[in-house]
Amino acid sequence: GTLNPLILVNVGTQVSGTVRKLYVDFN
């Protein structure tokens, strides 16, 4: 089998646009 998080949330967007700022990274 494969290990997965118990709850995995996919964060999306409700509007279109160009990414101007990124505040987080992996981990």
mmCIF file of all heavy atoms, coordinates in Angstrom:
data_MODEL
# 
_entry.id   MODEL 
# 
loop_
_atom_site.group_PDB 
_atom_site.id 
_atom_site.type_symbol 
_atom_site.label_atom_id 
_atom_site.label_alt_id 
_atom_site.label_comp_id 
_atom_site.label_asym_id 
_atom_site.label_entity_id 
_atom_site.label_seq_id 
_atom_site.pdbx_PDB_ins_code 
_atom_site.Cartn_x 
_atom_site.Cartn_y 
_atom_site.Cartn_z 
_atom_site.occupancy 
_atom_site.B_iso_or_equiv 
_atom_site.pdbx_formal_charge 
_atom_site.auth_seq_id 
_atom_site.auth_comp_id 
_atom_site.auth_asym_id 
_atom_site.auth_atom_id 
_atom_site.pdbx_PDB_model_num 
ATOM 1   N N   . GLY A 1 1  ? 0.828   -1.200 0.000   1.00 0.00 ? 1  GLY A N   1 
ATOM 2   C CA  . GLY A 1 1  ? 0.000   0.000  0.000   1.00 0.00 ? 1  GLY A CA  1 
ATOM 3   C C   . GLY A 1 1  ? 0.861   1.247  0.000   1.00 0.00 ? 1  GLY A C   1 
ATOM 4   O O   . GLY A 1 1  ? 2.095   1.183  -0.018  1.00 0.00 ? 1  GLY A O   1 
ATOM 5   N N   . THR A 1 2  ? 0.200   2.394  0.017   1.00 0.00 ? 2  THR A N   1 
ATOM 6   C CA  . THR A 1 2  ? 0.885   3.685  -0.016  1.00 0.00 ? 2  THR A CA  1 
ATOM 7   C C   . THR A 1 2  ? 0.471   4.517  1.187   1.00 0.00 ? 2  THR A C   1 
ATOM 8   O O   . THR A 1 2  ? -0.714  4.618  1.509   1.00 0.00 ? 2  THR A O   1 
ATOM 9   C CB  . THR A 1 2  ? 0.542   4.447  -1.307  1.00 0.00 ? 2  THR A CB  1 
ATOM 10  O OG1 . THR A 1 2  ? 0.884   3.637  -2.429  1.00 0.00 ? 2  THR A OG1 1 
ATOM 11  C CG2 . THR A 1 2  ? 1.318   5.756  -1.382  1.00 0.00 ? 2  THR A CG2 1 
ATOM 12  N N   . LEU A 1 3  ? 1.450   5.116  1.834   1.00 0.00 ? 3  LEU A N   1 
ATOM 13  C CA  . LEU A 1 3  ? 1.188   6.002  2.968   1.00 0.00 ? 3  LEU A CA  1 
ATOM 14  C C   . LEU A 1 3  ? 0.695   7.354  2.462   1.00 0.00 ? 3  LEU A C   1 
ATOM 15  O O   . LEU A 1 3  ? 1.290   7.949  1.554   1.00 0.00 ? 3  LEU A O   1 
ATOM 16  C CB  . LEU A 1 3  ? 2.458   6.188  3.793   1.00 0.00 ? 3  LEU A CB  1 
ATOM 17  C CG  . LEU A 1 3  ? 2.782   5.080  4.801   1.00 0.00 ? 3  LEU A CG  1 
ATOM 18  C CD1 . LEU A 1 3  ? 4.249   5.129  5.195   1.00 0.00 ? 3  LEU A CD1 1 
ATOM 19  C CD2 . LEU A 1 3  ? 1.910   5.221  6.033   1.00 0.00 ? 3  LEU A CD2 1 
ATOM 20  N N   . ASN A 1 4  ? -0.392  7.824  3.065   1.00 0.00 ? 4  ASN A N   1 
ATOM 21  C CA  . ASN A 1 4  ? -0.972  9.115  2.704   1.00 0.00 ? 4  ASN A CA  1 
ATOM 22  C C   . ASN A 1 4  ? -1.352  9.869  3.968   1.00 0.00 ? 4  ASN A C   1 
ATOM 23  O O   . ASN A 1 4  ? -1.635  9.251  5.001   1.00 0.00 ? 4  ASN A O   1 
ATOM 24  C CB  . ASN A 1 4  ? -2.217  8.934  1.835   1.00 0.00 ? 4  ASN A CB  1 
ATOM 25  C CG  . ASN A 1 4  ? -1.881  8.352  0.470   1.00 0.00 ? 4  ASN A CG  1 
ATOM 26  O OD1 . ASN A 1 4  ? -1.002  8.844  -0.220  1.00 0.00 ? 4  ASN A OD1 1 
ATOM 27  N ND2 . ASN A 1 4  ? -2.587  7.300  0.081   1.00 0.00 ? 4  ASN A ND2 1 
ATOM 28  N N   . PRO A 1 5  ? -1.364  11.201 3.904   1.00 0.00 ? 5  PRO A N   1 
ATOM 29  C CA  . PRO A 1 5  ? -1.892  11.959 5.047   1.00 0.00 ? 5  PRO A CA  1 
ATOM 30  C C   . PRO A 1 5  ? -3.351  11.603 5.284   1.00 0.00 ? 5  PRO A C   1 
ATOM 31  O O   . PRO A 1 5  ? -4.093  11.307 4.342   1.00 0.00 ? 5  PRO A O   1 
ATOM 32  C CB  . PRO A 1 5  ? -1.734  13.422 4.604   1.00 0.00 ? 5  PRO A CB  1 
ATOM 33  C CG  . PRO A 1 5  ? -0.706  13.397 3.521   1.00 0.00 ? 5  PRO A CG  1 
ATOM 34  C CD  . PRO A 1 5  ? -0.858  12.071 2.838   1.00 0.00 ? 5  PRO A CD  1 
ATOM 35  N N   . LEU A 1 6  ? -3.744  11.638 6.532   1.00 0.00 ? 6  LEU A N   1 
ATOM 36  C CA  . LEU A 1 6  ? -5.132  11.318 6.857   1.00 0.00 ? 6  LEU A CA  1 
ATOM 37  C C   . LEU A 1 6  ? -6.075  12.333 6.230   1.00 0.00 ? 6  LEU A C   1 
ATOM 38  O O   . LEU A 1 6  ? -7.145  11.986 5.720   1.00 0.00 ? 6  LEU A O   1 
ATOM 39  C CB  . LEU A 1 6  ? -5.312  11.284 8.386   1.00 0.00 ? 6  LEU A CB  1 
ATOM 40  C CG  . LEU A 1 6  ? -6.570  10.596 8.905   1.00 0.00 ? 6  LEU A CG  1 
ATOM 41  C CD1 . LEU A 1 6  ? -6.604  9.140  8.477   1.00 0.00 ? 6  LEU A CD1 1 
ATOM 42  C CD2 . LEU A 1 6  ? -6.645  10.701 10.415  1.00 0.00 ? 6  LEU A CD2 1 
ATOM 43  N N   . ILE A 1 7  ? -5.682  13.602 6.239   1.00 0.00 ? 7  ILE A N   1 
ATOM 44  C CA  . ILE A 1 7  ? -6.451  14.665 5.589   1.00 0.00 ? 7  ILE A CA  1 
ATOM 45  C C   . ILE A 1 7  ? -5.488  15.474 4.723   1.00 0.00 ? 7  ILE A C   1 
ATOM 46  O O   . ILE A 1 7  ? -4.544  16.080 5.231   1.00 0.00 ? 7  ILE A O   1 
ATOM 47  C CB  . ILE A 1 7  ? -7.142  15.580 6.605   1.00 0.00 ? 7  ILE A CB  1 
ATOM 48  C CG1 . ILE A 1 7  ? -8.136  14.782 7.457   1.00 0.00 ? 7  ILE A CG1 1 
ATOM 49  C CG2 . ILE A 1 7  ? -7.853  16.735 5.902   1.00 0.00 ? 7  ILE A CG2 1 
ATOM 50  C CD1 . ILE A 1 7  ? -8.817  15.608 8.527   1.00 0.00 ? 7  ILE A CD1 1 
ATOM 51  N N   . LEU A 1 8  ? -5.715  15.457 3.416   1.00 0.00 ? 8  LEU A N   1 
ATOM 52  C CA  . LEU A 1 8  ? -4.902  16.211 2.470   1.00 0.00 ? 8  LEU A CA  1 
ATOM 53  C C   . LEU A 1 8  ? -5.796  17.239 1.794   1.00 0.00 ? 8  LEU A C   1 
ATOM 54  O O   . LEU A 1 8  ? -6.767  16.887 1.116   1.00 0.00 ? 8  LEU A O   1 
ATOM 55  C CB  . LEU A 1 8  ? -4.276  15.278 1.437   1.00 0.00 ? 8  LEU A CB  1 
ATOM 56  C CG  . LEU A 1 8  ? -3.339  15.936 0.425   1.00 0.00 ? 8  LEU A CG  1 
ATOM 57  C CD1 . LEU A 1 8  ? -2.115  16.515 1.128   1.00 0.00 ? 8  LEU A CD1 1 
ATOM 58  C CD2 . LEU A 1 8  ? -2.924  14.946 -0.648  1.00 0.00 ? 8  LEU A CD2 1 
ATOM 59  N N   . VAL A 1 9  ? -5.468  18.526 1.981   1.00 0.00 ? 9  VAL A N   1 
ATOM 60  C CA  . VAL A 1 9  ? -6.292  19.614 1.459   1.00 0.00 ? 9  VAL A CA  1 
ATOM 61  C C   . VAL A 1 9  ? -5.625  20.185 0.213   1.00 0.00 ? 9  VAL A C   1 
ATOM 62  O O   . VAL A 1 9  ? -4.445  20.578 0.242   1.00 0.00 ? 9  VAL A O   1 
ATOM 63  C CB  . VAL A 1 9  ? -6.473  20.720 2.520   1.00 0.00 ? 9  VAL A CB  1 
ATOM 64  C CG1 . VAL A 1 9  ? -7.317  21.860 1.962   1.00 0.00 ? 9  VAL A CG1 1 
ATOM 65  C CG2 . VAL A 1 9  ? -7.111  20.151 3.771   1.00 0.00 ? 9  VAL A CG2 1 
ATOM 66  N N   . ASN A 1 10 ? -6.380  20.234 -0.888  1.00 0.00 ? 10 ASN A N   1 
ATOM 67  C CA  . ASN A 1 10 ? -5.914  20.854 -2.122  1.00 0.00 ? 10 ASN A CA  1 
ATOM 68  C C   . ASN A 1 10 ? -6.397  22.297 -2.146  1.00 0.00 ? 10 ASN A C   1 
ATOM 69  O O   . ASN A 1 10 ? -7.605  22.557 -2.216  1.00 0.00 ? 10 ASN A O   1 
ATOM 70  C CB  . ASN A 1 10 ? -6.435  20.096 -3.340  1.00 0.00 ? 10 ASN A CB  1 
ATOM 71  C CG  . ASN A 1 10 ? -5.866  18.695 -3.438  1.00 0.00 ? 10 ASN A CG  1 
ATOM 72  O OD1 . ASN A 1 10 ? -4.704  18.459 -3.150  1.00 0.00 ? 10 ASN A OD1 1 
ATOM 73  N ND2 . ASN A 1 10 ? -6.694  17.750 -3.847  1.00 0.00 ? 10 ASN A ND2 1 
ATOM 74  N N   . VAL A 1 11 ? -5.470  23.220 -2.101  1.00 0.00 ? 11 VAL A N   1 
ATOM 75  C CA  . VAL A 1 11 ? -5.810  24.646 -2.088  1.00 0.00 ? 11 VAL A CA  1 
ATOM 76  C C   . VAL A 1 11 ? -5.795  25.152 -3.528  1.00 0.00 ? 11 VAL A C   1 
ATOM 77  O O   . VAL A 1 11 ? -4.783  25.020 -4.232  1.00 0.00 ? 11 VAL A O   1 
ATOM 78  C CB  . VAL A 1 11 ? -4.813  25.438 -1.224  1.00 0.00 ? 11 VAL A CB  1 
ATOM 79  C CG1 . VAL A 1 11 ? -5.189  26.921 -1.223  1.00 0.00 ? 11 VAL A CG1 1 
ATOM 80  C CG2 . VAL A 1 11 ? -4.793  24.895 0.192   1.00 0.00 ? 11 VAL A CG2 1 
ATOM 81  N N   . GLY A 1 12 ? -6.924  25.721 -3.957  1.00 0.00 ? 12 GLY A N   1 
ATOM 82  C CA  . GLY A 1 12 ? -7.035  26.254 -5.308  1.00 0.00 ? 12 GLY A CA  1 
ATOM 83  C C   . GLY A 1 12 ? -7.313  27.746 -5.297  1.00 0.00 ? 12 GLY A C   1 
ATOM 84  O O   . GLY A 1 12 ? -7.088  28.437 -4.296  1.00 0.00 ? 12 GLY A O   1 
ATOM 85  N N   . THR A 1 13 ? -7.814  28.243 -6.415  1.00 0.00 ? 13 THR A N   1 
ATOM 86  C CA  . THR A 1 13 ? -8.136  29.662 -6.539  1.00 0.00 ? 13 THR A CA  1 
ATOM 87  C C   . THR A 1 13 ? -9.498  29.816 -7.191  1.00 0.00 ? 13 THR A C   1 
ATOM 88  O O   . THR A 1 13 ? -9.893  29.012 -8.037  1.00 0.00 ? 13 THR A O   1 
ATOM 89  C CB  . THR A 1 13 ? -7.069  30.399 -7.366  1.00 0.00 ? 13 THR A CB  1 
ATOM 90  O OG1 . THR A 1 13 ? -7.465  31.771 -7.518  1.00 0.00 ? 13 THR A OG1 1 
ATOM 91  C CG2 . THR A 1 13 ? -6.918  29.773 -8.746  1.00 0.00 ? 13 THR A CG2 1 
ATOM 92  N N   . GLN A 1 14 ? -10.229 30.842 -6.775  1.00 0.00 ? 14 GLN A N   1 
ATOM 93  C CA  . GLN A 1 14 ? -11.541 31.122 -7.345  1.00 0.00 ? 14 GLN A CA  1 
ATOM 94  C C   . GLN A 1 14 ? -11.502 32.234 -8.374  1.00 0.00 ? 14 GLN A C   1 
ATOM 95  O O   . GLN A 1 14 ? -12.508 32.538 -9.016  1.00 0.00 ? 14 GLN A O   1 
ATOM 96  C CB  . GLN A 1 14 ? -12.529 31.470 -6.235  1.00 0.00 ? 14 GLN A CB  1 
ATOM 97  C CG  . GLN A 1 14 ? -12.742 30.335 -5.249  1.00 0.00 ? 14 GLN A CG  1 
ATOM 98  C CD  . GLN A 1 14 ? -13.939 30.582 -4.354  1.00 0.00 ? 14 GLN A CD  1 
ATOM 99  O OE1 . GLN A 1 14 ? -15.012 30.962 -4.819  1.00 0.00 ? 14 GLN A OE1 1 
ATOM 100 N NE2 . GLN A 1 14 ? -13.766 30.348 -3.068  1.00 0.00 ? 14 GLN A NE2 1 
ATOM 101 N N   . VAL A 1 15 ? -10.316 32.869 -8.533  1.00 0.00 ? 15 VAL A N   1 
ATOM 102 C CA  . VAL A 1 15 ? -10.163 33.930 -9.528  1.00 0.00 ? 15 VAL A CA  1 
ATOM 103 C C   . VAL A 1 15 ? -8.916  33.653 -10.351 1.00 0.00 ? 15 VAL A C   1 
ATOM 104 O O   . VAL A 1 15 ? -8.016  32.921 -9.935  1.00 0.00 ? 15 VAL A O   1 
ATOM 105 C CB  . VAL A 1 15 ? -10.061 35.319 -8.850  1.00 0.00 ? 15 VAL A CB  1 
ATOM 106 C CG1 . VAL A 1 15 ? -11.351 35.665 -8.134  1.00 0.00 ? 15 VAL A CG1 1 
ATOM 107 C CG2 . VAL A 1 15 ? -8.875  35.376 -7.892  1.00 0.00 ? 15 VAL A CG2 1 
ATOM 108 N N   . SER A 1 16 ? -8.888  34.229 -11.525 1.00 0.00 ? 16 SER A N   1 
ATOM 109 C CA  . SER A 1 16 ? -7.735  34.077 -12.409 1.00 0.00 ? 16 SER A CA  1 
ATOM 110 C C   . SER A 1 16 ? -6.766  35.236 -12.189 1.00 0.00 ? 16 SER A C   1 
ATOM 111 O O   . SER A 1 16 ? -7.148  36.325 -11.763 1.00 0.00 ? 16 SER A O   1 
ATOM 112 C CB  . SER A 1 16 ? -8.193  34.046 -13.869 1.00 0.00 ? 16 SER A CB  1 
ATOM 113 O OG  . SER A 1 16 ? -9.105  32.998 -14.089 1.00 0.00 ? 16 SER A OG  1 
ATOM 114 N N   . GLY A 1 17 ? -5.510  34.961 -12.503 1.00 0.00 ? 17 GLY A N   1 
ATOM 115 C CA  . GLY A 1 17 ? -4.510  36.005 -12.352 1.00 0.00 ? 17 GLY A CA  1 
ATOM 116 C C   . GLY A 1 17 ? -3.106  35.457 -12.401 1.00 0.00 ? 17 GLY A C   1 
ATOM 117 O O   . GLY A 1 17 ? -2.882  34.255 -12.568 1.00 0.00 ? 17 GLY A O   1 
ATOM 118 N N   . THR A 1 18 ? -2.150  36.332 -12.230 1.00 0.00 ? 18 THR A N   1 
ATOM 119 C CA  . THR A 1 18 ? -0.732  35.986 -12.244 1.00 0.00 ? 18 THR A CA  1 
ATOM 120 C C   . THR A 1 18 ? -0.200  35.978 -10.822 1.00 0.00 ? 18 THR A C   1 
ATOM 121 O O   . THR A 1 18 ? -0.499  36.898 -10.038 1.00 0.00 ? 18 THR A O   1 
ATOM 122 C CB  . THR A 1 18 ? 0.067   36.988 -13.088 1.00 0.00 ? 18 THR A CB  1 
ATOM 123 O OG1 . THR A 1 18 ? -0.467  37.023 -14.407 1.00 0.00 ? 18 THR A OG1 1 
ATOM 124 C CG2 . THR A 1 18 ? 1.534   36.592 -13.152 1.00 0.00 ? 18 THR A CG2 1 
ATOM 125 N N   . VAL A 1 19 ? 0.562   34.955 -10.477 1.00 0.00 ? 19 VAL A N   1 
ATOM 126 C CA  . VAL A 1 19 ? 1.115   34.847 -9.129  1.00 0.00 ? 19 VAL A CA  1 
ATOM 127 C C   . VAL A 1 19 ? 2.136   35.965 -8.929  1.00 0.00 ? 19 VAL A C   1 
ATOM 128 O O   . VAL A 1 19 ? 3.163   36.022 -9.619  1.00 0.00 ? 19 VAL A O   1 
ATOM 129 C CB  . VAL A 1 19 ? 1.759   33.471 -8.910  1.00 0.00 ? 19 VAL A CB  1 
ATOM 130 C CG1 . VAL A 1 19 ? 2.366   33.387 -7.508  1.00 0.00 ? 19 VAL A CG1 1 
ATOM 131 C CG2 . VAL A 1 19 ? 0.738   32.365 -9.113  1.00 0.00 ? 19 VAL A CG2 1 
ATOM 132 N N   . ARG A 1 20 ? 1.827   36.846 -7.975  1.00 0.00 ? 20 ARG A N   1 
ATOM 133 C CA  . ARG A 1 20 ? 2.712   37.987 -7.720  1.00 0.00 ? 20 ARG A CA  1 
ATOM 134 C C   . ARG A 1 20 ? 3.619   37.745 -6.530  1.00 0.00 ? 20 ARG A C   1 
ATOM 135 O O   . ARG A 1 20 ? 4.783   38.165 -6.535  1.00 0.00 ? 20 ARG A O   1 
ATOM 136 C CB  . ARG A 1 20 ? 1.869   39.245 -7.492  1.00 0.00 ? 20 ARG A CB  1 
ATOM 137 C CG  . ARG A 1 20 ? 2.682   40.521 -7.388  1.00 0.00 ? 20 ARG A CG  1 
ATOM 138 C CD  . ARG A 1 20 ? 1.795   41.738 -7.262  1.00 0.00 ? 20 ARG A CD  1 
ATOM 139 N NE  . ARG A 1 20 ? 1.135   41.788 -5.955  1.00 0.00 ? 20 ARG A NE  1 
ATOM 140 C CZ  . ARG A 1 20 ? 0.401   42.809 -5.540  1.00 0.00 ? 20 ARG A CZ  1 
ATOM 141 N NH1 . ARG A 1 20 ? 0.205   43.862 -6.339  1.00 0.00 ? 20 ARG A NH1 1 
ATOM 142 N NH2 . ARG A 1 20 ? -0.162  42.786 -4.345  1.00 0.00 ? 20 ARG A NH2 1 
ATOM 143 N N   . LYS A 1 21 ? 3.110   37.054 -5.509  1.00 0.00 ? 21 LYS A N   1 
ATOM 144 C CA  . LYS A 1 21 ? 3.907   36.795 -4.307  1.00 0.00 ? 21 LYS A CA  1 
ATOM 145 C C   . LYS A 1 21 ? 3.666   35.366 -3.832  1.00 0.00 ? 21 LYS A C   1 
ATOM 146 O O   . LYS A 1 21 ? 2.547   34.858 -3.918  1.00 0.00 ? 21 LYS A O   1 
ATOM 147 C CB  . LYS A 1 21 ? 3.539   37.776 -3.176  1.00 0.00 ? 21 LYS A CB  1 
ATOM 148 C CG  . LYS A 1 21 ? 3.895   39.221 -3.456  1.00 0.00 ? 21 LYS A CG  1 
ATOM 149 C CD  . LYS A 1 21 ? 3.500   40.105 -2.274  1.00 0.00 ? 21 LYS A CD  1 
ATOM 150 C CE  . LYS A 1 21 ? 3.826   41.563 -2.539  1.00 0.00 ? 21 LYS A CE  1 
ATOM 151 N NZ  . LYS A 1 21 ? 3.429   42.434 -1.399  1.00 0.00 ? 21 LYS A NZ  1 
ATOM 152 N N   . LEU A 1 22 ? 4.729   34.735 -3.338  1.00 0.00 ? 22 LEU A N   1 
ATOM 153 C CA  . LEU A 1 22 ? 4.645   33.410 -2.716  1.00 0.00 ? 22 LEU A CA  1 
ATOM 154 C C   . LEU A 1 22 ? 5.166   33.528 -1.294  1.00 0.00 ? 22 LEU A C   1 
ATOM 155 O O   . LEU A 1 22 ? 6.285   33.997 -1.066  1.00 0.00 ? 22 LEU A O   1 
ATOM 156 C CB  . LEU A 1 22 ? 5.486   32.386 -3.492  1.00 0.00 ? 22 LEU A CB  1 
ATOM 157 C CG  . LEU A 1 22 ? 4.816   31.663 -4.657  1.00 0.00 ? 22 LEU A CG  1 
ATOM 158 C CD1 . LEU A 1 22 ? 5.837   30.815 -5.399  1.00 0.00 ? 22 LEU A CD1 1 
ATOM 159 C CD2 . LEU A 1 22 ? 3.661   30.804 -4.168  1.00 0.00 ? 22 LEU A CD2 1 
ATOM 160 N N   . TYR A 1 23 ? 4.338   33.103 -0.350  1.00 0.00 ? 23 TYR A N   1 
ATOM 161 C CA  . TYR A 1 23 ? 4.713   33.241 1.055   1.00 0.00 ? 23 TYR A CA  1 
ATOM 162 C C   . TYR A 1 23 ? 5.184   31.922 1.683   1.00 0.00 ? 23 TYR A C   1 
ATOM 163 O O   . TYR A 1 23 ? 5.735   31.948 2.782   1.00 0.00 ? 23 TYR A O   1 
ATOM 164 C CB  . TYR A 1 23 ? 3.525   33.776 1.860   1.00 0.00 ? 23 TYR A CB  1 
ATOM 165 C CG  . TYR A 1 23 ? 3.059   35.140 1.413   1.00 0.00 ? 23 TYR A CG  1 
ATOM 166 C CD1 . TYR A 1 23 ? 1.826   35.301 0.794   1.00 0.00 ? 23 TYR A CD1 1 
ATOM 167 C CD2 . TYR A 1 23 ? 3.855   36.265 1.604   1.00 0.00 ? 23 TYR A CD2 1 
ATOM 168 C CE1 . TYR A 1 23 ? 1.387   36.546 0.388   1.00 0.00 ? 23 TYR A CE1 1 
ATOM 169 C CE2 . TYR A 1 23 ? 3.425   37.526 1.192   1.00 0.00 ? 23 TYR A CE2 1 
ATOM 170 C CZ  . TYR A 1 23 ? 2.193   37.654 0.577   1.00 0.00 ? 23 TYR A CZ  1 
ATOM 171 O OH  . TYR A 1 23 ? 1.765   38.900 0.167   1.00 0.00 ? 23 TYR A OH  1 
ATOM 172 N N   . VAL A 1 24 ? 4.954   30.785 1.036   1.00 0.00 ? 24 VAL A N   1 
ATOM 173 C CA  . VAL A 1 24 ? 5.304   29.489 1.623   1.00 0.00 ? 24 VAL A CA  1 
ATOM 174 C C   . VAL A 1 24 ? 6.036   28.644 0.593   1.00 0.00 ? 24 VAL A C   1 
ATOM 175 O O   . VAL A 1 24 ? 5.981   28.910 -0.616  1.00 0.00 ? 24 VAL A O   1 
ATOM 176 C CB  . VAL A 1 24 ? 4.050   28.727 2.126   1.00 0.00 ? 24 VAL A CB  1 
ATOM 177 C CG1 . VAL A 1 24 ? 3.378   29.483 3.251   1.00 0.00 ? 24 VAL A CG1 1 
ATOM 178 C CG2 . VAL A 1 24 ? 3.080   28.460 0.992   1.00 0.00 ? 24 VAL A CG2 1 
ATOM 179 N N   . ASP A 1 25 ? 6.691   27.602 1.103   1.00 0.00 ? 25 ASP A N   1 
ATOM 180 C CA  . ASP A 1 25 ? 7.404   26.657 0.237   1.00 0.00 ? 25 ASP A CA  1 
ATOM 181 C C   . ASP A 1 25 ? 7.181   25.254 0.793   1.00 0.00 ? 25 ASP A C   1 
ATOM 182 O O   . ASP A 1 25 ? 6.491   25.065 1.799   1.00 0.00 ? 25 ASP A O   1 
ATOM 183 C CB  . ASP A 1 25 ? 8.896   27.006 0.195   1.00 0.00 ? 25 ASP A CB  1 
ATOM 184 C CG  . ASP A 1 25 ? 9.571   26.455 -1.061  1.00 0.00 ? 25 ASP A CG  1 
ATOM 185 O OD1 . ASP A 1 25 ? 8.921   25.660 -1.786  1.00 0.00 ? 25 ASP A OD1 1 
ATOM 186 O OD2 . ASP A 1 25 ? 10.742  26.801 -1.306  1.00 0.00 ? 25 ASP A OD2 1 
ATOM 187 N N   . PHE A 1 26 ? 7.806   24.272 0.165   1.00 0.00 ? 26 PHE A N   1 
ATOM 188 C CA  . PHE A 1 26 ? 7.674   22.897 0.617   1.00 0.00 ? 26 PHE A CA  1 
ATOM 189 C C   . PHE A 1 26 ? 8.083   22.762 2.089   1.00 0.00 ? 26 PHE A C   1 
ATOM 190 O O   . PHE A 1 26 ? 9.045   23.398 2.546   1.00 0.00 ? 26 PHE A O   1 
ATOM 191 C CB  . PHE A 1 26 ? 8.563   21.976 -0.229  1.00 0.00 ? 26 PHE A CB  1 
ATOM 192 C CG  . PHE A 1 26 ? 8.104   21.824 -1.654  1.00 0.00 ? 26 PHE A CG  1 
ATOM 193 C CD1 . PHE A 1 26 ? 8.586   22.674 -2.640  1.00 0.00 ? 26 PHE A CD1 1 
ATOM 194 C CD2 . PHE A 1 26 ? 7.190   20.848 -2.009  1.00 0.00 ? 26 PHE A CD2 1 
ATOM 195 C CE1 . PHE A 1 26 ? 8.171   22.544 -3.952  1.00 0.00 ? 26 PHE A CE1 1 
ATOM 196 C CE2 . PHE A 1 26 ? 6.764   20.714 -3.312  1.00 0.00 ? 26 PHE A CE2 1 
ATOM 197 C CZ  . PHE A 1 26 ? 7.258   21.564 -4.291  1.00 0.00 ? 26 PHE A CZ  1 
ATOM 198 N N   . ASN A 1 27 ? 7.322   21.912 2.808   1.00 0.00 ? 27 ASN A N   1 
ATOM 199 C CA  . ASN A 1 27 ? 7.606   21.541 4.201   1.00 0.00 ? 27 ASN A CA  1 
ATOM 200 C C   . ASN A 1 27 ? 7.363   22.658 5.205   1.00 0.00 ? 27 ASN A C   1 
ATOM 201 O O   . ASN A 1 27 ? 7.628   22.466 6.397   1.00 0.00 ? 27 ASN A O   1 
ATOM 202 C CB  . ASN A 1 27 ? 9.038   21.035 4.366   1.00 0.00 ? 27 ASN A CB  1 
ATOM 203 C CG  . ASN A 1 27 ? 9.331   19.839 3.495   1.00 0.00 ? 27 ASN A CG  1 
ATOM 204 O OD1 . ASN A 1 27 ? 8.425   19.122 3.064   1.00 0.00 ? 27 ASN A OD1 1 
ATOM 205 N ND2 . ASN A 1 27 ? 10.611  19.611 3.218   1.00 0.00 ? 27 ASN A ND2 1 
# 
